[in-house]
Amino acid sequence: MKKNIGSVLALYPTPVVVAGTMTNQKPNWLLVAHVGIIGHDRIMISCAKQHYTNQGIKENGAVSLALVNEAMLPNADFVGSVSGSKTDK
């Protein structure tokens, strides 16, 4: 379905992204389904408080995002299925 939403600063439809950060000196990723653009220099991701990746974001003050494409789906599914506190990912 194609929908014209006009000239807005938005992601539509909302993509699934992989958020990455260093947590306890190890790379770690989290599958995030809630992402928004706040401005030309700001984004917002929404993830539950208990996620292990949040610790790394707070420690480093940095996060990287990758939009998930079809080729990435198996790896994105893995990232979203296991916790970085129990498994290196």
PDB file of N, CA and C in Angstrom:
ATOM      1  N   MET A   1       0.835  -1.158   0.000  1.00  0.00           N
ATOM      2  CA  MET A   1       0.000   0.000   0.000  1.00  0.00           C
ATOM      3  C   MET A   1       0.893   1.239   0.000  1.00  0.00           C
ATOM      4  N   LYS A   2       0.603   2.169  -0.867  1.00  0.00           N
ATOM      5  CA  LYS A   2       1.334   3.422  -0.947  1.00  0.00           C
ATOM      6  C   LYS A   2       0.472   4.516  -0.337  1.00  0.00           C
ATOM      7  N   LYS A   3       1.106   5.351   0.504  1.00  0.00           N
ATOM      8  CA  LYS A   3       0.366   6.418   1.152  1.00  0.00           C
ATOM      9  C   LYS A   3       1.221   7.677   1.149  1.00  0.00           C
ATOM     10  N   ASN A   4       0.663   8.773   0.698  1.00  0.00           N
ATOM     11  CA  ASN A   4       1.365  10.044   0.689  1.00  0.00           C
ATOM     12  C   ASN A   4       1.120  10.735   2.022  1.00  0.00           C
ATOM     13  N   ILE A   5       2.188  10.923   2.807  1.00  0.00           N
ATOM     14  CA  ILE A   5       2.039  11.593   4.092  1.00  0.00           C
ATOM     15  C   ILE A   5       2.565  13.030   4.036  1.00  0.00           C
ATOM     16  N   GLY A   6       2.891  13.482   2.836  1.00  0.00           N
ATOM     17  CA  GLY A   6       3.344  14.854   2.671  1.00  0.00           C
ATOM     18  C   GLY A   6       4.805  15.019   3.026  1.00  0.00           C
ATOM     19  N   SER A   7       5.215  16.262   3.157  1.00  0.00           N
ATOM     20  CA  SER A   7       6.594  16.592   3.469  1.00  0.00           C
ATOM     21  C   SER A   7       6.756  16.700   4.981  1.00  0.00           C
ATOM     22  N   VAL A   8       7.071  15.578   5.612  1.00  0.00           N
ATOM     23  CA  VAL A   8       7.229  15.549   7.061  1.00  0.00           C
ATOM     24  C   VAL A   8       8.533  14.849   7.412  1.00  0.00           C
ATOM     25  N   LEU A   9       9.035  15.133   8.575  1.00  0.00           N
ATOM     26  CA  LEU A   9      10.228  14.489   9.090  1.00  0.00           C
ATOM     27  C   LEU A   9       9.780  13.236   9.827  1.00  0.00           C
ATOM     28  N   ALA A  10       9.626  12.122   9.096  1.00  0.00           N
ATOM     29  CA  ALA A  10       9.055  10.921   9.697  1.00  0.00           C
ATOM     30  C   ALA A  10       9.525   9.681   8.961  1.00  0.00           C
ATOM     31  N   LEU A  11       9.457   8.556   9.641  1.00  0.00           N
ATOM     32  CA  LEU A  11       9.705   7.251   9.042  1.00  0.00           C
ATOM     33  C   LEU A  11       8.364   6.556   8.933  1.00  0.00           C
ATOM     34  N   TYR A  12       7.966   6.206   7.722  1.00  0.00           N
ATOM     35  CA  TYR A  12       6.677   5.552   7.535  1.00  0.00           C
ATOM     36  C   TYR A  12       6.798   4.537   6.418  1.00  0.00           C
ATOM     37  N   PRO A  13       6.399   3.301   6.554  1.00  0.00           N
ATOM     38  CA  PRO A  13       5.955   2.714   7.814  1.00  0.00           C
ATOM     39  C   PRO A  13       7.126   2.620   8.787  1.00  0.00           C
ATOM     40  N   THR A  14       6.827   2.485  10.055  1.00  0.00           N
ATOM     41  CA  THR A  14       7.872   2.429  11.068  1.00  0.00           C
ATOM     42  C   THR A  14       8.744   1.201  10.837  1.00  0.00           C
ATOM     43  N   PRO A  15      10.036   1.403  10.603  1.00  0.00           N
ATOM     44  CA  PRO A  15      10.916   0.270  10.342  1.00  0.00           C
ATOM     45  C   PRO A  15      11.362  -0.411  11.633  1.00  0.00           C
ATOM     46  N   VAL A  16      11.811  -1.630  11.498  1.00  0.00           N
ATOM     47  CA  VAL A  16      12.465  -2.326  12.601  1.00  0.00           C
ATOM     48  C   VAL A  16      13.948  -2.046  12.436  1.00  0.00           C
ATOM     49  N   VAL A  17      14.612  -1.737  13.526  1.00  0.00           N
ATOM     50  CA  VAL A  17      16.039  -1.445  13.474  1.00  0.00           C
ATOM     51  C   VAL A  17      16.784  -2.299  14.484  1.00  0.00           C
ATOM     52  N   VAL A  18      18.066  -2.475  14.220  1.00  0.00           N
ATOM     53  CA  VAL A  18      18.966  -3.099  15.180  1.00  0.00           C
ATOM     54  C   VAL A  18      19.766  -1.966  15.804  1.00  0.00           C
ATOM     55  N   ALA A  19      19.689  -1.850  17.132  1.00  0.00           N
ATOM     56  CA  ALA A  19      20.450  -0.846  17.872  1.00  0.00           C
ATOM     57  C   ALA A  19      21.674  -1.526  18.450  1.00  0.00           C
ATOM     58  N   GLY A  20      22.829  -0.919  18.247  1.00  0.00           N
ATOM     59  CA  GLY A  20      24.076  -1.498  18.728  1.00  0.00           C
ATOM     60  C   GLY A  20      24.818  -0.560  19.656  1.00  0.00           C
ATOM     61  N   THR A  21      25.465  -1.128  20.643  1.00  0.00           N
ATOM     62  CA  THR A  21      26.292  -0.361  21.566  1.00  0.00           C
ATOM     63  C   THR A  21      27.309  -1.296  22.204  1.00  0.00           C
ATOM     64  N   MET A  22      28.276  -0.728  22.872  1.00  0.00           N
ATOM     65  CA  MET A  22      29.219  -1.516  23.652  1.00  0.00           C
ATOM     66  C   MET A  22      28.665  -1.608  25.066  1.00  0.00           C
ATOM     67  N   THR A  23      28.505  -2.831  25.558  1.00  0.00           N
ATOM     68  CA  THR A  23      27.997  -3.055  26.911  1.00  0.00           C
ATOM     69  C   THR A  23      28.991  -3.946  27.631  1.00  0.00           C
ATOM     70  N   ASN A  24      29.548  -3.454  28.726  1.00  0.00           N
ATOM     71  CA  ASN A  24      30.592  -4.180  29.461  1.00  0.00           C
ATOM     72  C   ASN A  24      31.749  -4.576  28.543  1.00  0.00           C
ATOM     73  N   GLN A  25      32.207  -3.639  27.739  1.00  0.00           N
ATOM     74  CA  GLN A  25      33.326  -3.790  26.801  1.00  0.00           C
ATOM     75  C   GLN A  25      33.087  -4.831  25.701  1.00  0.00           C
ATOM     76  N   LYS A  26      31.831  -5.184  25.440  1.00  0.00           N
ATOM     77  CA  LYS A  26      31.499  -6.123  24.366  1.00  0.00           C
ATOM     78  C   LYS A  26      30.431  -5.506  23.472  1.00  0.00           C
ATOM     79  N   PRO A  27      30.509  -5.761  22.154  1.00  0.00           N
ATOM     80  CA  PRO A  27      29.439  -5.276  21.282  1.00  0.00           C
ATOM     81  C   PRO A  27      28.134  -6.005  21.593  1.00  0.00           C
ATOM     82  N   ASN A  28      27.048  -5.277  21.553  1.00  0.00           N
ATOM     83  CA  ASN A  28      25.742  -5.850  21.856  1.00  0.00           C
ATOM     84  C   ASN A  28      24.688  -5.167  20.994  1.00  0.00           C
ATOM     85  N   TRP A  29      23.676  -5.934  20.585  1.00  0.00           N
ATOM     86  CA  TRP A  29      22.625  -5.408  19.718  1.00  0.00           C
ATOM     87  C   TRP A  29      21.259  -5.738  20.291  1.00  0.00           C
ATOM     88  N   LEU A  30      20.310  -4.891  19.933  1.00  0.00           N
ATOM     89  CA  LEU A  30      18.927  -5.038  20.382  1.00  0.00           C
ATOM     90  C   LEU A  30      18.014  -4.759  19.202  1.00  0.00           C
ATOM     91  N   LEU A  31      17.003  -5.560  19.024  1.00  0.00           N
ATOM     92  CA  LEU A  31      16.007  -5.323  17.980  1.00  0.00           C
ATOM     93  C   LEU A  31      14.975  -4.337  18.516  1.00  0.00           C
ATOM     94  N   VAL A  32      14.778  -3.228  17.811  1.00  0.00           N
ATOM     95  CA  VAL A  32      13.877  -2.161  18.261  1.00  0.00           C
ATOM     96  C   VAL A  32      12.822  -1.918  17.188  1.00  0.00           C
ATOM     97  N   ALA A  33      11.567  -1.896  17.586  1.00  0.00           N
ATOM     98  CA  ALA A  33      10.481  -1.672  16.632  1.00  0.00           C
ATOM     99  C   ALA A  33       9.880  -0.277  16.742  1.00  0.00           C
ATOM    100  N   HIS A  34      10.341   0.514  17.697  1.00  0.00           N
ATOM    101  CA  HIS A  34       9.793   1.857  17.883  1.00  0.00           C
ATOM    102  C   HIS A  34      10.909   2.882  17.743  1.00  0.00           C
ATOM    103  N   VAL A  35      10.967   3.518  16.578  1.00  0.00           N
ATOM    104  CA  VAL A  35      11.995   4.513  16.271  1.00  0.00           C
ATOM    105  C   VAL A  35      11.297   5.750  15.729  1.00  0.00           C
ATOM    106  N   GLY A  36      11.799   6.901  16.099  1.00  0.00           N
ATOM    107  CA  GLY A  36      11.219   8.132  15.590  1.00  0.00           C
ATOM    108  C   GLY A  36      12.288   9.171  15.319  1.00  0.00           C
ATOM    109  N   ILE A  37      12.001  10.077  14.424  1.00  0.00           N
ATOM    110  CA  ILE A  37      12.887  11.192  14.135  1.00  0.00           C
ATOM    111  C   ILE A  37      12.342  12.392  14.887  1.00  0.00           C
ATOM    112  N   ILE A  38      13.171  12.965  15.729  1.00  0.00           N
ATOM    113  CA  ILE A  38      12.760  14.130  16.503  1.00  0.00           C
ATOM    114  C   ILE A  38      13.172  15.405  15.772  1.00  0.00           C
ATOM    115  N   GLY A  39      14.299  15.378  15.105  1.00  0.00           N
ATOM    116  CA  GLY A  39      14.805  16.528  14.362  1.00  0.00           C
ATOM    117  C   GLY A  39      15.869  16.061  13.394  1.00  0.00           C
ATOM    118  N   HIS A  40      16.496  16.986  12.712  1.00  0.00           N
ATOM    119  CA  HIS A  40      17.532  16.615  11.752  1.00  0.00           C
ATOM    120  C   HIS A  40      18.767  16.031  12.429  1.00  0.00           C
ATOM    121  N   ASP A  41      18.916  16.271  13.712  1.00  0.00           N
ATOM    122  CA  ASP A  41      20.081  15.775  14.433  1.00  0.00           C
ATOM    123  C   ASP A  41      19.711  14.909  15.637  1.00  0.00           C
ATOM    124  N   ARG A  42      18.470  14.454  15.710  1.00  0.00           N
ATOM    125  CA  ARG A  42      18.013  13.657  16.852  1.00  0.00           C
ATOM    126  C   ARG A  42      17.084  12.536  16.401  1.00  0.00           C
ATOM    127  N   ILE A  43      17.246  11.384  17.050  1.00  0.00           N
ATOM    128  CA  ILE A  43      16.324  10.275  16.857  1.00  0.00           C
ATOM    129  C   ILE A  43      15.849   9.817  18.236  1.00  0.00           C
ATOM    130  N   MET A  44      14.815   9.030  18.253  1.00  0.00           N
ATOM    131  CA  MET A  44      14.323   8.472  19.496  1.00  0.00           C
ATOM    132  C   MET A  44      14.085   6.988  19.280  1.00  0.00           C
ATOM    133  N   ILE A  45      14.582   6.166  20.194  1.00  0.00           N
ATOM    134  CA  ILE A  45      14.261   4.740  20.172  1.00  0.00           C
ATOM    135  C   ILE A  45      13.559   4.419  21.478  1.00  0.00           C
ATOM    136  N   SER A  46      12.655   3.502  21.415  1.00  0.00           N
ATOM    137  CA  SER A  46      11.895   3.118  22.598  1.00  0.00           C
ATOM    138  C   SER A  46      12.168   1.653  22.892  1.00  0.00           C
ATOM    139  N   CYS A  47      12.746   1.403  24.058  1.00  0.00           N
ATOM    140  CA  CYS A  47      13.001   0.018  24.458  1.00  0.00           C
ATOM    141  C   CYS A  47      12.722  -0.115  25.955  1.00  0.00           C
ATOM    142  N   ALA A  48      12.277  -1.278  26.345  1.00  0.00           N
ATOM    143  CA  ALA A  48      11.902  -1.524  27.735  1.00  0.00           C
ATOM    144  C   ALA A  48      13.096  -1.343  28.669  1.00  0.00           C
ATOM    145  N   LYS A  49      12.816  -0.889  29.854  1.00  0.00           N
ATOM    146  CA  LYS A  49      13.839  -0.559  30.843  1.00  0.00           C
ATOM    147  C   LYS A  49      14.790  -1.719  31.156  1.00  0.00           C
ATOM    148  N   GLN A  50      14.301  -2.943  31.153  1.00  0.00           N
ATOM    149  CA  GLN A  50      15.106  -4.090  31.577  1.00  0.00           C
ATOM    150  C   GLN A  50      16.089  -4.585  30.516  1.00  0.00           C
ATOM    151  N   HIS A  51      16.069  -4.048  29.296  1.00  0.00           N
ATOM    152  CA  HIS A  51      16.982  -4.537  28.260  1.00  0.00           C
ATOM    153  C   HIS A  51      18.442  -4.288  28.625  1.00  0.00           C
ATOM    154  N   TYR A  52      19.260  -5.294  28.438  1.00  0.00           N
ATOM    155  CA  TYR A  52      20.694  -5.246  28.727  1.00  0.00           C
ATOM    156  C   TYR A  52      21.381  -4.139  27.927  1.00  0.00           C
ATOM    157  N   THR A  53      20.955  -3.903  26.715  1.00  0.00           N
ATOM    158  CA  THR A  53      21.558  -2.887  25.849  1.00  0.00           C
ATOM    159  C   THR A  53      21.437  -1.491  26.453  1.00  0.00           C
ATOM    160  N   ASN A  54      20.388  -1.230  27.207  1.00  0.00           N
ATOM    161  CA  ASN A  54      20.220   0.080  27.842  1.00  0.00           C
ATOM    162  C   ASN A  54      21.416   0.441  28.709  1.00  0.00           C
ATOM    163  N   GLN A  55      21.979  -0.550  29.379  1.00  0.00           N
ATOM    164  CA  GLN A  55      23.151  -0.325  30.229  1.00  0.00           C
ATOM    165  C   GLN A  55      24.304   0.244  29.399  1.00  0.00           C
ATOM    166  N   GLY A  56      24.539  -0.318  28.221  1.00  0.00           N
ATOM    167  CA  GLY A  56      25.606   0.160  27.348  1.00  0.00           C
ATOM    168  C   GLY A  56      25.334   1.552  26.802  1.00  0.00           C
ATOM    169  N   ILE A  57      24.080   1.834  26.472  1.00  0.00           N
ATOM    170  CA  ILE A  57      23.719   3.166  25.986  1.00  0.00           C
ATOM    171  C   ILE A  57      23.992   4.204  27.071  1.00  0.00           C
ATOM    172  N   LYS A  58      23.623   3.884  28.299  1.00  0.00           N
ATOM    173  CA  LYS A  58      23.855   4.813  29.415  1.00  0.00           C
ATOM    174  C   LYS A  58      25.346   4.963  29.715  1.00  0.00           C
ATOM    175  N   GLU A  59      26.094   3.850  29.685  1.00  0.00           N
ATOM    176  CA  GLU A  59      27.535   3.889  29.962  1.00  0.00           C
ATOM    177  C   GLU A  59      28.285   4.749  28.955  1.00  0.00           C
ATOM    178  N   ASN A  60      27.943   4.597  27.679  1.00  0.00           N
ATOM    179  CA  ASN A  60      28.710   5.226  26.607  1.00  0.00           C
ATOM    180  C   ASN A  60      28.080   6.487  26.032  1.00  0.00           C
ATOM    181  N   GLY A  61      26.799   6.672  26.272  1.00  0.00           N
ATOM    182  CA  GLY A  61      26.115   7.821  25.698  1.00  0.00           C
ATOM    183  C   GLY A  61      26.056   7.755  24.182  1.00  0.00           C
ATOM    184  N   ALA A  62      26.091   6.531  23.654  1.00  0.00           N
ATOM    185  CA  ALA A  62      26.090   6.362  22.199  1.00  0.00           C
ATOM    186  C   ALA A  62      25.360   5.081  21.815  1.00  0.00           C
ATOM    187  N   VAL A  63      24.740   5.131  20.635  1.00  0.00           N
ATOM    188  CA  VAL A  63      24.069   3.968  20.071  1.00  0.00           C
ATOM    189  C   VAL A  63      24.130   4.103  18.552  1.00  0.00           C
ATOM    190  N   SER A  64      24.257   2.994  17.860  1.00  0.00           N
ATOM    191  CA  SER A  64      24.193   3.027  16.397  1.00  0.00           C
ATOM    192  C   SER A  64      22.957   2.257  15.966  1.00  0.00           C
ATOM    193  N   LEU A  65      22.384   2.656  14.840  1.00  0.00           N
ATOM    194  CA  LEU A  65      21.179   2.005  14.339  1.00  0.00           C
ATOM    195  C   LEU A  65      21.393   1.511  12.923  1.00  0.00           C
ATOM    196  N   ALA A  66      20.822   0.366  12.626  1.00  0.00           N
ATOM    197  CA  ALA A  66      20.838  -0.187  11.269  1.00  0.00           C
ATOM    198  C   ALA A  66      19.410  -0.581  10.914  1.00  0.00           C
ATOM    199  N   LEU A  67      18.909  -0.060   9.808  1.00  0.00           N
ATOM    200  CA  LEU A  67      17.595  -0.481   9.328  1.00  0.00           C
ATOM    201  C   LEU A  67      17.682  -1.924   8.863  1.00  0.00           C
ATOM    202  N   VAL A  68      16.708  -2.725   9.222  1.00  0.00           N
ATOM    203  CA  VAL A  68      16.709  -4.148   8.875  1.00  0.00           C
ATOM    204  C   VAL A  68      16.109  -4.326   7.484  1.00  0.00           C
ATOM    205  N   ASN A  69      16.879  -4.982   6.609  1.00  0.00           N
ATOM    206  CA  ASN A  69      16.356  -5.333   5.288  1.00  0.00           C
ATOM    207  C   ASN A  69      16.091  -6.837   5.257  1.00  0.00           C
ATOM    208  N   GLU A  70      15.576  -7.321   4.165  1.00  0.00           N
ATOM    209  CA  GLU A  70      15.188  -8.738   4.071  1.00  0.00           C
ATOM    210  C   GLU A  70      16.361  -9.687   4.306  1.00  0.00           C
ATOM    211  N   ALA A  71      17.539  -9.322   3.797  1.00  0.00           N
ATOM    212  CA  ALA A  71      18.716 -10.184   3.957  1.00  0.00           C
ATOM    213  C   ALA A  71      19.149 -10.286   5.424  1.00  0.00           C
ATOM    214  N   MET A  72      18.845  -9.281   6.214  1.00  0.00           N
ATOM    215  CA  MET A  72      19.251  -9.252   7.623  1.00  0.00           C
ATOM    216  C   MET A  72      18.262  -9.946   8.554  1.00  0.00           C
ATOM    217  N   LEU A  73      17.100 -10.355   8.048  1.00  0.00           N
ATOM    218  CA  LEU A  73      16.043 -10.888   8.912  1.00  0.00           C
ATOM    219  C   LEU A  73      16.470 -12.053   9.809  1.00  0.00           C
ATOM    220  N   PRO A  74      17.197 -13.060   9.311  1.00  0.00           N
ATOM    221  CA  PRO A  74      17.595 -14.154  10.216  1.00  0.00           C
ATOM    222  C   PRO A  74      18.464 -13.667  11.382  1.00  0.00           C
ATOM    223  N   ASN A  75      19.417 -12.774  11.092  1.00  0.00           N
ATOM    224  CA  ASN A  75      20.266 -12.257  12.163  1.00  0.00           C
ATOM    225  C   ASN A  75      19.490 -11.333  13.093  1.00  0.00           C
ATOM    226  N   ALA A  76      18.611 -10.524  12.544  1.00  0.00           N
ATOM    227  CA  ALA A  76      17.793  -9.630  13.366  1.00  0.00           C
ATOM    228  C   ALA A  76      16.878 -10.453  14.281  1.00  0.00           C
ATOM    229  N   ASP A  77      16.364 -11.555  13.775  1.00  0.00           N
ATOM    230  CA  ASP A  77      15.515 -12.430  14.580  1.00  0.00           C
ATOM    231  C   ASP A  77      16.309 -12.988  15.760  1.00  0.00           C
ATOM    232  N   PHE A  78      17.553 -13.405  15.518  1.00  0.00           N
ATOM    233  CA  PHE A  78      18.414 -13.914  16.589  1.00  0.00           C
ATOM    234  C   PHE A  78      18.656 -12.830  17.634  1.00  0.00           C
ATOM    235  N   VAL A  79      19.010 -11.629  17.172  1.00  0.00           N
ATOM    236  CA  VAL A  79      19.283 -10.502  18.071  1.00  0.00           C
ATOM    237  C   VAL A  79      18.069 -10.208  18.942  1.00  0.00           C
ATOM    238  N   GLY A  80      16.882 -10.334  18.380  1.00  0.00           N
ATOM    239  CA  GLY A  80      15.667 -10.067  19.132  1.00  0.00           C
ATOM    240  C   GLY A  80      15.203 -11.203  20.008  1.00  0.00           C
ATOM    241  N   SER A  81      15.838 -12.367  19.894  1.00  0.00           N
ATOM    242  CA  SER A  81      15.376 -13.556  20.617  1.00  0.00           C
ATOM    243  C   SER A  81      16.206 -13.915  21.841  1.00  0.00           C
ATOM    244  N   VAL A  82      17.442 -13.389  21.938  1.00  0.00           N
ATOM    245  CA  VAL A  82      18.316 -13.744  23.055  1.00  0.00           C
ATOM    246  C   VAL A  82      18.821 -12.476  23.738  1.00  0.00           C
ATOM    247  N   SER A  83      19.168 -12.596  24.999  1.00  0.00           N
ATOM    248  CA  SER A  83      19.676 -11.454  25.754  1.00  0.00           C
ATOM    249  C   SER A  83      21.194 -11.418  25.691  1.00  0.00           C
ATOM    250  N   GLY A  84      21.739 -10.237  25.518  1.00  0.00           N
ATOM    251  CA  GLY A  84      23.186 -10.057  25.525  1.00  0.00           C
ATOM    252  C   GLY A  84      23.797 -10.315  26.881  1.00  0.00           C
ATOM    253  N   SER A  85      22.986 -10.319  27.927  1.00  0.00           N
ATOM    254  CA  SER A  85      23.517 -10.634  29.270  1.00  0.00           C
ATOM    255  C   SER A  85      23.824 -12.121  29.409  1.00  0.00           C
ATOM    256  N   LYS A  86      23.257 -12.942  28.521  1.00  0.00           N
ATOM    257  CA  LYS A  86      23.458 -14.397  28.587  1.00  0.00           C
ATOM    258  C   LYS A  86      24.221 -14.941  27.384  1.00  0.00           C
ATOM    259  N   THR A  87      24.226 -14.217  26.263  1.00  0.00           N
ATOM    260  CA  THR A  87      24.810 -14.695  25.016  1.00  0.00           C
ATOM    261  C   THR A  87      25.576 -13.561  24.344  1.00  0.00           C
ATOM    262  N   ASP A  88      26.777 -13.841  23.843  1.00  0.00           N
ATOM    263  CA  ASP A  88      27.481 -12.846  23.030  1.00  0.00           C
ATOM    264  C   ASP A  88      26.764 -12.736  21.708  1.00  0.00           C
ATOM    265  N   LYS A  89      26.440 -11.525  21.339  1.00  0.00           N
ATOM    266  CA  LYS A  89      25.793 -11.326  20.057  1.00  0.00           C
ATOM    267  C   LYS A  89      26.245 -10.043  19.417  1.00  0.00           C
TER     268      LYS A  89
END
